[in-house]
Structure formats: structure tokens, C-alpha cells
C-alpha atoms as a PDB file:
ATOM      1  CA  UNK A   1      -6.855  -6.198  -1.222  1.00  0.00           C
ATOM      2  CA  UNK A   2      -7.699  -9.838  -0.738  1.00  0.00           C
ATOM      3  CA  UNK A   3      -5.529 -11.572  -3.336  1.00  0.00           C
ATOM      4  CA  UNK A   4      -3.334 -11.149  -6.369  1.00  0.00           C
ATOM      5  CA  UNK A   5      -0.204  -9.083  -6.929  1.00  0.00           C
ATOM      6  CA  UNK A   6       0.096  -5.299  -6.960  1.00  0.00           C
ATOM      7  CA  UNK A   7       3.297  -3.414  -7.820  1.00  0.00           C
ATOM      8  CA  UNK A   8       3.286   0.384  -7.475  1.00  0.00           C
ATOM      9  CA  UNK A   9       6.287   2.564  -8.309  1.00  0.00           C
ATOM     10  CA  UNK A  10       6.191   6.345  -7.875  1.00  0.00           C
ATOM     11  CA  UNK A  11       8.763   9.036  -8.562  1.00  0.00           C
ATOM     12  CA  UNK A  12      10.183  11.632  -6.219  1.00  0.00           C
ATOM     13  CA  UNK A  13       7.958  14.324  -4.791  1.00  0.00           C
ATOM     14  CA  UNK A  14       4.764  14.335  -2.766  1.00  0.00           C
ATOM     15  CA  UNK A  15       3.490  10.982  -3.931  1.00  0.00           C
ATOM     16  CA  UNK A  16       2.077   8.000  -2.069  1.00  0.00           C
ATOM     17  CA  UNK A  17       2.068   4.517  -3.587  1.00  0.00           C
ATOM     18  CA  UNK A  18      -1.312   3.828  -1.959  1.00  0.00           C
ATOM     19  CA  UNK A  19      -3.529   6.755  -0.923  1.00  0.00           C
ATOM     20  CA  UNK A  20      -7.023   6.342   0.523  1.00  0.00           C
ATOM     21  CA  UNK A  21      -9.417   8.987   1.799  1.00  0.00           C
ATOM     22  CA  UNK A  22     -11.045   6.199   3.811  1.00  0.00           C
ATOM     23  CA  UNK A  23      -9.935   2.817   5.136  1.00  0.00           C
ATOM     24  CA  UNK A  24      -7.375   0.275   3.907  1.00  0.00           C
ATOM     25  CA  UNK A  25      -7.871  -3.485   4.327  1.00  0.00           C
ATOM     26  CA  UNK A  26      -5.319  -6.130   3.314  1.00  0.00           C
ATOM     27  CA  UNK A  27      -6.317  -9.777   3.821  1.00  0.00           C
ATOM     28  CA  UNK A  28      -4.091 -11.519   1.283  1.00  0.00           C
ATOM     29  CA  UNK A  29      -1.995 -11.172  -1.833  1.00  0.00           C
ATOM     30  CA  UNK A  30       1.251  -9.300  -2.356  1.00  0.00           C
ATOM     31  CA  UNK A  31       1.780  -5.534  -2.423  1.00  0.00           C
ATOM     32  CA  UNK A  32       5.164  -4.163  -3.532  1.00  0.00           C
ATOM     33  CA  UNK A  33       5.588  -0.390  -3.211  1.00  0.00           C
ATOM     34  CA  UNK A  34       8.550   1.619  -4.478  1.00  0.00           C
ATOM     35  CA  UNK A  35       8.544   5.221  -3.280  1.00  0.00           C
ATOM     36  CA  UNK A  36       9.418   7.577  -0.464  1.00  0.00           C
ATOM     37  CA  UNK A  37       6.351   6.691   1.624  1.00  0.00           C
ATOM     38  CA  UNK A  38       4.020   3.728   1.995  1.00  0.00           C
ATOM     39  CA  UNK A  39       0.344   3.947   2.825  1.00  0.00           C
ATOM     40  CA  UNK A  40      -1.485   7.244   3.302  1.00  0.00           C
ATOM     41  CA  UNK A  41      -4.998   6.850   4.702  1.00  0.00           C
ATOM     42  CA  UNK A  42      -7.513   8.939   6.611  1.00  0.00           C
ATOM     43  CA  UNK A  43      -9.463   6.098   8.248  1.00  0.00           C
ATOM     44  CA  UNK A  44      -8.202   2.830   9.690  1.00  0.00           C
ATOM     45  CA  UNK A  45      -5.828   0.179   8.351  1.00  0.00           C
ATOM     46  CA  UNK A  46      -6.569  -3.507   8.875  1.00  0.00           C
ATOM     47  CA  UNK A  47      -3.940  -6.125   8.005  1.00  0.00           C
ATOM     48  CA  UNK A  48      -4.786  -9.799   8.518  1.00  0.00           C
ATOM     49  CA  UNK A  49      -2.670 -11.533   5.867  1.00  0.00           C
ATOM     50  CA  UNK A  50      -0.602 -11.288   2.732  1.00  0.00           C
ATOM     51  CA  UNK A  51       2.795  -9.722   2.103  1.00  0.00           C
ATOM     52  CA  UNK A  52       3.673  -6.022   2.028  1.00  0.00           C
ATOM     53  CA  UNK A  53       7.054  -4.763   0.766  1.00  0.00           C
ATOM     54  CA  UNK A  54       8.195  -1.135   0.783  1.00  0.00           C
ATOM     55  CA  UNK A  55      11.431   0.001  -0.841  1.00  0.00           C
ATOM     56  CA  UNK A  56      12.286   3.671  -0.689  1.00  0.00           C
END
């Protein structure tokens, strides 16, 4: 993600607001996640800017 706003809300259970089989890169923007977990990724995560909120 490199800009904009993303809001993800998931219910109870085995669910991930953001799930990647590869890498995750966040360089800007706003991500708001509502769920029991946050990011699930198999590669690497790179965070260089923006805002990330997680409410569980």
C-alpha cells in the first residue's frame, strides 16, 4: 500500500484482515484492521510510512 485508506473488518474465527502468500509493503496511507489478528504473510514485511491501526 502506498496511499489511500483501507478499512478491513473480519468476524470471529480463523480470519486475517490482511493475508499474503508473499510479501507486504506499506509506504503510506492508512490501514485500519478490526479482527483477532493483524497481518499474516509468508515472505517479508516492509514498513516505511503511513499509519496502521489494529483493534481486536
